[in-house]
Amino acid sequence: MTGPRPNASESPTDRPAATPTPADAAPHGAASDGSVPGAAAATKPWRYAIGMFGTSIPINMIKGSMILYYVDILGLDVRVYGAVMVVYAIIDAIDNPVLGFLSDRTRTRWGRRRPWLVIGAPLLAASMIGFFSAPTSLDGLGLVLWFAVFAILCEAFDSMLNANYGALLPELFPVEKQRAVANSLRQGFQLVALVISLAVTPLLTTKVFGTEETTTGFTVTAIIYGAIAVVVILFMAFGAKENPRYAEAARPRFFATVWQIVRNPRFWTIGIAGACYGSAMALVLAGLQLYVRYALGLPVSDALFLQAAVILVSVLGLFAWTRVVRRRGAAFTWRLAFVVLALSFIPLFFANSLVTAILAGILVGIGYSGMLATNDLIVARVLDDDARRHGQHREGLFLSAFGFFGRLNAIVSGLALASLAWFFGYQSGDAPGDQPDLAFRFFLCVYPFVLCAIGAVLARFIRVPEGAAEHREDADASTRDAAARASDEVDG
């Protein structure tokens, strides 16, 4: 049957897509055995996954060292830091959907996502180098402006990269079992990047290239990390084989798509739960070095051992959690991991030495690896469900909209840090107050525990959409039932 003819005034690329048929409910080209013929299947999971290594190094160094660099060394007041982070988050919430929308509408011979990745990688690297090259003569308004401008530039180009890199996961790997493998591999590469950009960074910045009182080490380290990131991201981008059928679909309209997204209840429930997890780990990322300095009374470089323990356990935990996903499903595993992560912060609060902190950190690593193995799979299910319902692949805008919740991390981190001045008198490295040890125990343990506990409760009551395989099984069962009923009626 032929559908209605389009209005002559509409551009062929701007027409809304037709409602998907049951055959369209499964990923394009997905066979009953889960294989995916065509261009999208040509991308090796490891080739895609290694891109996470490149995208993680710059932003993790920025988030993991910005408080130490600007607040503790350069003397930026924590209340000013908090105010800048609020502005940072607002701008981030605006530019994320715009960048995702532009990516979804991009049509080039090189694909929809690749041009943005190729452009964004060197721009992020340059912004990171500028961020960690603040002249030591700056103070007052000059320091604030330098911090704000380069923080916002880093945010914008990081958003550009992640909107496009994340959108490739459901496109390249439409079947959940295959997707789980690719996701676990990329999270493994992220953890390797964490070892380098977090665990090794304190050693490079304060021992090898500089000292705990100077900034030279940060600049040199940023240059090295920036170069590594550019090479890895370009290697991934030129190896990713996008599915050309996705580019043939109608180009989504911005306001219509945003309206459909915000009316989707799962966008809010899963987004808020994910924000609780993301904000908790952002606090850990931002405060770990100062937790080691003040709460444990050790040199910042000793954070290497604590971070390495957490990351090593997380790498090993990914394999175990992925097996649970394959046997029990992403939704069950996601809820379980939330509970484990929340409880892990309790012993970390009471750690009083490097050894006890490492033992507590092992528990954090177990919970963290569970969230790494599952959280993106839950989001990808929402994207699959949206494509089934509306017949358009608009992963870039949808993921960027989810990124709105992720960017709340900056507000939460800024407010959490500012609260240390109100509750404990910590204002900066020049004015740490009387209880900097307790201040950073709260920052690193109490606040993340509360956030993860809220997320775990929300996850318990969220109805997660079916995966592609489950959807196909239900559709096949419905077809068989309908055929059986028709056969009975004929026989009757």
Protein backbone atom coordinates (compact mmCIF):
# COMPACT_ATOMS: atom_id res chain seq x y z
CA MET A 1 0.00 0.00 0.00
CA THR A 2 1.34 3.41 -0.95
CA GLY A 3 1.40 6.07 1.76
CA PRO A 4 0.17 9.67 1.36
CA ARG A 5 2.15 11.86 -1.00
CA PRO A 6 4.30 14.49 0.70
CA ASN A 7 3.35 18.12 0.65
CA ALA A 8 5.05 19.76 -2.31
CA SER A 9 6.41 22.53 -0.10
CA GLU A 10 8.36 20.12 2.07
CA SER A 11 11.96 19.31 1.40
CA PRO A 12 12.49 15.56 0.98
CA THR A 13 15.08 15.61 3.76
CA ASP A 14 12.86 17.57 6.18
CA ARG A 15 9.73 15.44 5.95
CA PRO A 16 8.85 13.67 9.16
CA ALA A 17 9.49 9.96 8.98
CA ALA A 18 6.64 7.53 8.67
CA THR A 19 5.64 5.48 11.67
CA PRO A 20 7.91 2.47 11.77
CA THR A 21 6.47 -0.87 10.81
CA PRO A 22 7.07 -3.97 12.94
CA ALA A 23 9.84 -4.92 10.57
CA ASP A 24 11.55 -1.65 11.34
CA ALA A 25 11.42 -2.28 15.05
CA ALA A 26 14.56 -4.34 14.91
CA PRO A 27 17.83 -2.63 14.08
CA HIS A 28 18.39 -2.11 10.39
CA GLY A 29 19.77 -5.25 8.86
CA ALA A 30 19.71 -7.26 12.06
CA ALA A 31 19.41 -10.91 11.37
CA SER A 32 17.65 -13.37 13.62
CA ASP A 33 20.97 -14.61 14.92
CA GLY A 34 22.03 -11.18 15.98
CA SER A 35 24.46 -10.58 13.15
CA VAL A 36 24.32 -7.28 11.38
CA PRO A 37 25.29 -7.36 7.73
CA GLY A 38 26.40 -4.27 5.90
CA ALA A 39 28.66 -1.36 6.61
CA ALA A 40 27.88 -1.00 10.30
CA ALA A 41 29.12 -4.55 11.02
CA ALA A 42 32.52 -3.79 9.48
CA THR A 43 33.72 -1.84 12.52
CA LYS A 44 35.67 -3.97 14.94
CA PRO A 45 34.54 -3.45 18.56
CA TRP A 46 38.11 -2.73 19.71
CA ARG A 47 38.61 -0.12 16.98
CA TYR A 48 35.55 1.78 18.15
CA ALA A 49 36.30 1.18 21.83
CA ILE A 50 39.81 2.63 21.71
CA GLY A 51 38.26 6.01 21.00
CA MET A 52 37.20 6.16 24.64
CA PHE A 53 40.88 6.15 25.55
CA GLY A 54 41.41 9.32 23.53
CA THR A 55 38.29 11.16 24.70
CA SER A 56 38.93 10.32 28.36
CA ILE A 57 42.53 11.49 28.80
CA PRO A 58 41.94 15.24 28.34
CA ILE A 59 38.69 15.67 30.25
CA ASN A 60 39.79 13.43 33.12
CA MET A 61 42.97 15.40 33.60
CA ILE A 62 40.92 18.60 33.55
CA LYS A 63 38.35 17.37 36.06
CA GLY A 64 40.86 15.54 38.22
CA SER A 65 43.37 18.39 38.53
CA MET A 66 41.41 21.63 38.14
CA ILE A 67 40.75 22.11 41.87
CA LEU A 68 44.36 21.32 42.79
CA TYR A 69 45.70 23.58 40.03
CA TYR A 70 43.41 26.61 40.34
CA VAL A 71 42.23 26.50 43.96
CA ASP A 72 45.06 24.94 45.92
CA ILE A 73 48.08 26.18 43.90
CA LEU A 74 46.93 29.42 42.21
CA GLY A 75 44.67 30.44 45.11
CA LEU A 76 41.28 30.79 43.37
CA ASP A 77 38.54 31.12 46.00
CA VAL A 78 36.25 28.06 46.17
CA ARG A 79 33.15 30.30 46.06
CA VAL A 80 34.32 31.84 42.80
CA TYR A 81 35.11 28.37 41.53
CA GLY A 82 31.57 27.27 42.40
CA ALA A 83 30.02 30.27 40.61
CA VAL A 84 32.05 29.61 37.45
CA MET A 85 31.00 25.95 37.52
CA VAL A 86 27.33 26.96 37.59
CA VAL A 87 27.83 29.18 34.52
CA TYR A 88 29.85 26.38 32.92
CA ALA A 89 26.99 23.92 33.44
CA ILE A 90 24.36 26.29 32.04
CA ILE A 91 26.34 26.89 28.85
CA ASP A 92 27.02 23.18 28.62
CA ALA A 93 23.31 22.37 28.94
CA ILE A 94 22.59 24.71 26.01
CA ASP A 95 25.34 23.73 23.62
CA ASN A 96 24.96 19.96 24.14
CA PRO A 97 21.59 19.57 22.37
CA VAL A 98 22.62 22.01 19.63
CA LEU A 99 25.80 20.04 18.86
CA GLY A 100 23.90 16.76 18.91
CA PHE A 101 21.23 18.17 16.59
CA LEU A 102 23.82 19.44 14.12
CA SER A 103 25.49 16.05 14.15
CA ASP A 104 22.21 14.23 13.42
CA ARG A 105 21.55 16.52 10.46
CA THR A 106 25.06 16.28 9.04
CA ARG A 107 25.28 14.51 5.68
CA THR A 108 28.76 14.13 4.16
CA ARG A 109 30.63 11.53 2.16
CA TRP A 110 32.63 10.83 5.34
CA GLY A 111 29.54 10.15 7.44
CA ARG A 112 27.56 12.06 10.05
CA ARG A 113 29.88 11.74 13.05
CA ARG A 114 33.42 11.55 11.65
CA PRO A 115 33.81 15.23 10.61
CA TRP A 116 32.92 16.39 14.11
CA LEU A 117 35.38 13.96 15.70
CA VAL A 118 38.20 15.02 13.38
CA ILE A 119 37.59 18.71 14.08
CA GLY A 120 36.90 18.40 17.80
CA ALA A 121 39.99 16.39 18.80
CA PRO A 122 42.68 19.04 18.12
CA LEU A 123 40.44 21.83 19.43
CA LEU A 124 39.95 20.04 22.76
CA ALA A 125 43.68 19.34 23.03
CA ALA A 126 44.56 23.01 22.40
CA SER A 127 41.97 24.18 24.94
CA MET A 128 43.31 21.80 27.58
CA ILE A 129 46.85 23.05 27.08
CA GLY A 130 45.63 26.63 27.47
CA PHE A 131 43.65 25.67 30.58
CA PHE A 132 46.81 24.42 32.30
CA SER A 133 49.02 27.28 31.08
CA ALA A 134 47.66 30.12 33.21
CA PRO A 135 50.41 32.72 33.87
CA THR A 136 51.44 32.58 37.52
CA SER A 137 51.29 36.39 37.62
CA LEU A 138 47.50 36.29 37.22
CA ASP A 139 45.31 36.95 40.21
CA GLY A 140 41.92 38.42 40.98
CA LEU A 141 39.68 39.02 37.96
CA GLY A 142 42.38 38.01 35.49
CA LEU A 143 42.68 34.55 37.03
CA VAL A 144 38.90 34.16 37.15
CA LEU A 145 38.53 35.08 33.47
CA TRP A 146 41.34 32.75 32.37
CA PHE A 147 39.79 29.89 34.32
CA ALA A 148 36.27 30.58 33.05
CA VAL A 149 37.15 31.03 29.37
CA PHE A 150 39.29 27.92 29.04
CA ALA A 151 36.97 25.81 31.19
CA ILE A 152 34.05 26.68 28.91
CA LEU A 153 36.12 26.02 25.75
CA CYS A 154 37.18 22.62 27.10
CA GLU A 155 33.56 21.85 27.93
CA ALA A 156 32.32 22.80 24.46
CA PHE A 157 34.83 20.69 22.55
CA ASP A 158 34.45 17.77 24.95
CA SER A 159 30.69 17.94 24.28
CA MET A 160 31.35 17.96 20.54
CA LEU A 161 33.45 14.80 20.80
CA ASN A 162 31.21 12.87 23.16
CA ALA A 163 27.94 13.68 21.37
CA ASN A 164 29.35 12.07 18.24
CA TYR A 165 31.39 9.28 19.78
CA GLY A 166 28.53 8.15 22.01
CA ALA A 167 26.04 8.25 19.13
CA LEU A 168 28.11 5.65 17.26
CA LEU A 169 27.59 2.90 19.88
CA PRO A 170 23.92 2.06 19.12
CA GLU A 171 24.48 2.60 15.38
CA LEU A 172 27.54 0.37 14.97
CA PHE A 173 26.34 -2.32 17.39
CA PRO A 174 22.53 -2.58 17.30
CA VAL A 175 22.28 -5.98 19.04
CA GLU A 176 22.63 -5.80 22.83
CA LYS A 177 25.02 -8.74 23.29
CA GLN A 178 27.37 -7.28 20.70
CA ARG A 179 26.83 -3.82 22.14
CA ALA A 180 27.67 -5.06 25.66
CA VAL A 181 31.02 -6.38 24.42
CA ALA A 182 31.85 -3.11 22.63
CA ASN A 183 30.79 -1.09 25.66
CA SER A 184 32.86 -3.18 28.05
CA LEU A 185 35.89 -2.80 25.80
CA ARG A 186 35.50 0.96 25.60
CA GLN A 187 35.03 1.22 29.35
CA GLY A 188 38.19 -0.85 29.73
CA PHE A 189 40.02 1.66 27.54
CA GLN A 190 38.54 4.44 29.64
CA LEU A 191 39.98 2.83 32.74
CA VAL A 192 43.38 2.57 31.09
CA ALA A 193 43.07 6.27 30.33
CA LEU A 194 42.17 6.86 33.97
CA VAL A 195 45.34 5.11 35.05
CA ILE A 196 47.35 7.45 32.84
CA SER A 197 45.44 10.71 33.20
CA LEU A 198 44.60 10.37 36.91
CA ALA A 199 46.90 7.92 38.64
CA VAL A 200 50.05 8.94 36.76
CA THR A 201 49.17 12.65 36.49
CA PRO A 202 50.03 13.55 40.12
CA LEU A 203 53.41 11.90 39.67
CA LEU A 204 54.12 13.70 36.38
CA THR A 205 52.86 17.11 37.46
CA THR A 206 54.35 17.25 40.97
CA LYS A 207 57.44 15.01 40.72
CA VAL A 208 58.68 14.47 37.16
CA PHE A 209 57.93 17.78 35.41
CA GLY A 210 57.21 20.06 38.37
CA THR A 211 56.58 20.32 42.11
CA GLU A 212 53.52 20.53 44.39
CA GLU A 213 53.90 24.34 44.50
CA THR A 214 54.52 25.07 40.80
CA THR A 215 52.43 24.84 37.61
CA THR A 216 55.05 23.92 34.98
CA GLY A 217 54.41 20.20 35.36
CA PHE A 218 50.73 20.65 34.51
CA THR A 219 51.50 22.45 31.25
CA VAL A 220 53.99 19.82 30.06
CA THR A 221 51.65 16.97 31.01
CA ALA A 222 48.74 18.63 29.19
CA ILE A 223 50.81 18.87 25.99
CA ILE A 224 51.68 15.18 26.17
CA TYR A 225 48.12 14.08 26.90
CA GLY A 226 46.72 16.35 24.20
CA ALA A 227 48.96 14.83 21.53
CA ILE A 228 48.05 11.28 22.59
CA ALA A 229 44.34 12.11 22.55
CA VAL A 230 44.40 13.55 19.03
CA VAL A 231 46.22 10.54 17.56
CA VAL A 232 43.89 8.00 19.20
CA ILE A 233 40.65 9.81 18.34
CA LEU A 234 41.65 10.21 14.69
CA PHE A 235 42.62 6.52 14.52
CA MET A 236 39.17 5.56 15.81
CA ALA A 237 37.28 8.05 13.64
CA PHE A 238 38.84 6.88 10.39
CA GLY A 239 38.15 3.24 11.27
CA ALA A 240 34.47 3.59 12.26
CA LYS A 241 32.14 2.47 9.44
CA GLU A 242 28.87 4.31 9.86
CA ASN A 243 25.69 2.72 8.55
CA PRO A 244 24.77 4.63 5.35
CA ARG A 245 21.11 3.73 5.77
CA TYR A 246 20.90 5.95 8.85
CA ALA A 247 22.00 8.95 6.78
CA GLU A 248 19.21 8.27 4.27
CA ALA A 249 16.55 8.90 6.90
CA ALA A 250 14.77 12.22 7.23
CA ARG A 251 16.72 14.93 8.98
CA PRO A 252 15.20 15.55 12.40
CA ARG A 253 13.72 18.93 13.24
CA PHE A 254 15.13 20.57 16.33
CA PHE A 255 12.11 21.78 18.27
CA ALA A 256 9.88 18.86 17.29
CA THR A 257 12.57 16.41 18.39
CA VAL A 258 13.28 18.23 21.66
CA TRP A 259 9.55 18.26 22.42
CA GLN A 260 9.31 14.51 21.84
CA ILE A 261 12.35 13.90 24.02
CA VAL A 262 11.17 15.97 26.99
CA ARG A 263 7.76 14.30 26.82
CA ASN A 264 9.39 10.88 27.17
CA PRO A 265 9.17 9.96 30.89
CA ARG A 266 12.14 7.61 30.61
CA PHE A 267 14.29 10.54 29.55
CA TRP A 268 13.68 12.12 32.95
CA THR A 269 13.78 9.08 35.19
CA ILE A 270 16.81 7.39 33.65
CA GLY A 271 18.49 10.75 33.12
CA ILE A 272 18.16 11.75 36.77
CA ALA A 273 19.33 8.35 38.00
CA GLY A 274 22.33 8.54 35.67
CA ALA A 275 23.06 12.07 36.89
CA CYS A 276 23.22 10.79 40.47
CA TYR A 277 25.88 8.26 39.46
CA GLY A 278 27.75 10.71 37.26
CA SER A 279 27.77 13.46 39.87
CA ALA A 280 29.01 11.07 42.54
CA MET A 281 31.94 9.93 40.44
CA ALA A 282 32.67 13.52 39.38
CA LEU A 283 33.12 14.38 43.07
CA VAL A 284 35.50 11.43 43.46
CA LEU A 285 37.41 12.51 40.38
CA ALA A 286 37.67 16.12 41.52
CA GLY A 287 38.50 15.54 45.17
CA LEU A 288 40.67 12.44 45.36
CA GLN A 289 44.02 14.21 45.31
CA LEU A 290 42.99 16.61 48.06
CA TYR A 291 41.44 13.72 50.03
CA VAL A 292 44.89 12.11 50.00
CA ARG A 293 46.56 15.38 50.99
CA TYR A 294 44.21 16.43 53.78
CA ALA A 295 42.22 13.40 54.98
CA LEU A 296 45.11 10.92 54.84
CA GLY A 297 47.88 13.46 55.44
CA LEU A 298 49.98 12.13 52.56
CA PRO A 299 51.70 13.72 49.53
CA VAL A 300 49.46 14.27 46.51
CA SER A 301 51.63 11.89 44.50
CA ASP A 302 50.47 9.02 46.76
CA ALA A 303 47.06 9.33 45.10
CA LEU A 304 48.68 7.20 42.40
CA PHE A 305 48.42 4.08 44.57
CA LEU A 306 44.80 4.61 45.59
CA GLN A 307 43.70 5.46 42.06
CA ALA A 308 45.62 2.53 40.60
CA ALA A 309 43.93 0.11 43.01
CA VAL A 310 40.45 1.40 42.17
CA ILE A 311 41.10 1.31 38.44
CA LEU A 312 42.72 -2.15 38.45
CA VAL A 313 39.74 -3.61 40.30
CA SER A 314 37.40 -1.81 37.91
CA VAL A 315 39.13 -3.34 34.88
CA LEU A 316 38.82 -6.84 36.33
CA GLY A 317 35.27 -6.14 37.48
CA LEU A 318 34.16 -5.24 33.96
CA PHE A 319 34.57 -8.86 32.86
CA ALA A 320 32.50 -10.14 35.76
CA TRP A 321 29.76 -7.53 35.38
CA THR A 322 29.56 -8.15 31.62
CA ARG A 323 28.89 -11.83 32.31
CA VAL A 324 26.09 -10.82 34.66
CA VAL A 325 24.66 -8.56 31.94
CA ARG A 326 24.67 -11.39 29.42
CA ARG A 327 22.95 -13.76 31.87
CA ARG A 328 20.56 -11.50 33.79
CA GLY A 329 20.17 -8.51 31.49
CA ALA A 330 21.29 -4.89 31.67
CA ALA A 331 18.43 -3.63 33.86
CA PHE A 332 18.95 -6.10 36.73
CA THR A 333 22.72 -5.61 36.68
CA TRP A 334 22.39 -1.80 36.59
CA ARG A 335 20.21 -1.77 39.71
CA LEU A 336 22.56 -4.12 41.56
CA ALA A 337 25.64 -2.06 40.65
CA PHE A 338 23.99 1.11 41.96
CA VAL A 339 23.53 -0.46 45.40
CA VAL A 340 27.09 -1.79 45.52
CA LEU A 341 28.56 1.59 44.56
CA ALA A 342 26.52 3.47 47.16
CA LEU A 343 27.58 1.16 49.99
CA SER A 344 31.26 1.30 48.98
CA PHE A 345 31.63 4.93 50.12
CA ILE A 346 30.93 4.07 53.77
CA PRO A 347 34.27 2.34 54.53
CA LEU A 348 36.13 4.98 52.48
CA PHE A 349 34.91 7.66 54.89
CA PHE A 350 36.54 5.88 57.83
CA ALA A 351 39.88 5.11 56.13
CA ASN A 352 42.81 6.57 58.09
CA SER A 353 45.83 5.35 56.14
CA LEU A 354 46.82 4.57 52.59
CA VAL A 355 46.31 0.83 53.19
CA THR A 356 42.79 1.18 54.57
CA ALA A 357 41.92 3.67 51.84
CA ILE A 358 43.08 1.19 49.19
CA LEU A 359 40.98 -1.58 50.76
CA ALA A 360 37.94 0.69 50.74
CA GLY A 361 38.82 1.82 47.22
CA ILE A 362 38.61 -1.78 46.04
CA LEU A 363 34.92 -1.78 46.98
CA VAL A 364 34.43 1.49 45.12
CA GLY A 365 36.10 -0.08 42.07
CA ILE A 366 33.70 -3.04 42.15
CA GLY A 367 30.64 -0.80 42.18
CA TYR A 368 32.11 1.62 39.66
CA SER A 369 32.87 -1.14 37.16
CA GLY A 370 29.27 -2.34 37.44
CA MET A 371 27.98 1.10 36.50
CA LEU A 372 30.48 1.36 33.66
CA ALA A 373 29.28 -1.97 32.28
CA THR A 374 25.58 -1.08 32.40
CA ASN A 375 24.74 2.62 32.45
CA ASP A 376 25.39 3.25 28.75
CA LEU A 377 23.45 0.10 27.86
CA ILE A 378 20.40 1.46 29.68
CA VAL A 379 20.67 4.76 27.79
CA ALA A 380 21.14 2.88 24.50
CA ARG A 381 17.89 1.02 25.15
CA VAL A 382 16.09 4.35 25.38
CA LEU A 383 17.61 5.33 22.02
CA ASP A 384 16.50 2.03 20.47
CA ASP A 385 13.00 2.56 21.83
CA ASP A 386 12.89 6.09 20.42
CA ALA A 387 13.97 4.85 16.96
CA ARG A 388 11.29 2.15 17.03
CA ARG A 389 8.60 4.60 18.02
CA HIS A 390 9.46 7.48 15.70
CA GLY A 391 11.37 5.87 12.82
CA GLN A 392 14.33 8.27 13.06
CA HIS A 393 17.89 7.73 14.23
CA ARG A 394 18.65 10.88 16.18
CA GLU A 395 21.16 9.50 18.66
CA GLY A 396 23.25 12.68 18.63
CA LEU A 397 20.49 14.97 19.89
CA PHE A 398 19.06 12.38 22.26
CA LEU A 399 22.45 11.63 23.83
CA SER A 400 23.19 15.34 24.06
CA ALA A 401 19.88 15.83 25.82
CA PHE A 402 20.91 13.09 28.25
CA GLY A 403 24.17 15.00 28.50
CA PHE A 404 22.17 17.79 30.12
CA PHE A 405 21.90 15.60 33.20
CA GLY A 406 25.55 14.69 32.97
CA ARG A 407 26.50 18.34 32.88
CA LEU A 408 24.74 18.84 36.19
CA ASN A 409 27.96 17.31 37.52
CA ALA A 410 29.60 20.71 37.27
CA ILE A 411 26.88 22.37 39.34
CA VAL A 412 26.95 19.60 41.94
CA SER A 413 30.75 19.71 42.15
CA GLY A 414 30.77 23.49 42.40
CA LEU A 415 28.13 23.59 45.12
CA ALA A 416 29.76 20.72 47.00
CA LEU A 417 33.11 22.49 46.98
CA ALA A 418 31.55 25.80 47.98
CA SER A 419 29.80 24.04 50.88
CA LEU A 420 33.21 23.19 52.33
CA ALA A 421 33.72 26.90 52.99
CA TRP A 422 30.34 27.18 54.71
CA PHE A 423 30.58 24.03 56.83
CA PHE A 424 34.31 23.52 57.41
CA GLY A 425 36.01 26.84 56.63
CA TYR A 426 37.99 25.52 53.64
CA GLN A 427 38.34 28.39 51.14
CA SER A 428 41.54 27.57 49.21
CA GLY A 429 45.02 26.16 49.64
CA ASP A 430 46.00 29.50 51.15
CA ALA A 431 43.11 29.37 53.64
CA PRO A 432 42.27 25.70 54.31
CA GLY A 433 40.49 26.33 57.63
CA ASP A 434 40.66 24.17 60.74
CA GLN A 435 39.10 20.97 59.38
CA PRO A 436 40.30 20.35 55.82
CA ASP A 437 40.55 16.62 56.59
CA LEU A 438 36.88 16.31 57.51
CA ALA A 439 35.92 18.63 54.67
CA PHE A 440 37.32 16.31 52.03
CA ARG A 441 35.98 13.18 53.73
CA PHE A 442 32.53 14.69 53.24
CA PHE A 443 33.33 15.80 49.71
CA LEU A 444 34.65 12.40 48.61
CA CYS A 445 32.47 10.02 50.64
CA VAL A 446 29.30 11.49 52.16
CA TYR A 447 28.07 13.46 49.16
CA PRO A 448 28.70 10.57 46.69
CA PHE A 449 26.98 8.11 49.04
CA VAL A 450 23.85 10.26 49.22
CA LEU A 451 23.76 10.71 45.45
CA CYS A 452 24.22 7.01 44.69
CA ALA A 453 21.62 6.03 47.29
CA ILE A 454 19.10 8.31 45.58
CA GLY A 455 20.04 6.83 42.21
CA ALA A 456 19.67 3.27 43.51
CA VAL A 457 16.15 3.98 44.79
CA LEU A 458 15.15 5.58 41.48
CA ALA A 459 16.62 2.70 39.46
CA ARG A 460 14.58 0.20 41.49
CA PHE A 461 11.31 1.71 40.26
CA ILE A 462 12.27 2.65 36.68
CA ARG A 463 10.82 0.52 33.89
CA VAL A 464 13.71 0.07 31.45
CA PRO A 465 12.75 -0.36 27.75
CA GLU A 466 13.28 -3.77 26.17
CA GLY A 467 16.49 -4.43 24.32
CA ALA A 468 16.50 -5.04 20.58
CA ALA A 469 16.67 -8.81 21.00
CA GLU A 470 13.76 -8.90 23.45
CA HIS A 471 11.74 -6.63 21.18
CA ARG A 472 12.31 -8.92 18.20
CA GLU A 473 11.36 -11.98 20.26
CA ASP A 474 8.12 -10.29 21.36
CA ALA A 475 7.37 -9.24 17.78
CA ASP A 476 8.06 -12.78 16.52
CA ALA A 477 5.83 -14.25 19.22
CA SER A 478 3.03 -11.82 18.34
CA THR A 479 3.37 -12.74 14.67
CA ARG A 480 3.21 -16.45 15.47
CA ASP A 481 0.16 -15.95 17.68
CA ALA A 482 -1.60 -13.94 14.96
CA ALA A 483 -0.77 -16.59 12.37
CA ALA A 484 -2.06 -19.34 14.65
CA ARG A 485 -5.32 -17.49 15.24
CA ALA A 486 -5.75 -16.90 11.51
CA SER A 487 -5.10 -20.59 10.83
CA ASP A 488 -7.68 -21.60 13.46
CA GLU A 489 -10.25 -19.30 11.88
CA VAL A 490 -9.60 -20.78 8.44
CA ASP A 491 -9.84 -24.32 9.80
CA GLY A 492 -13.03 -23.37 11.59
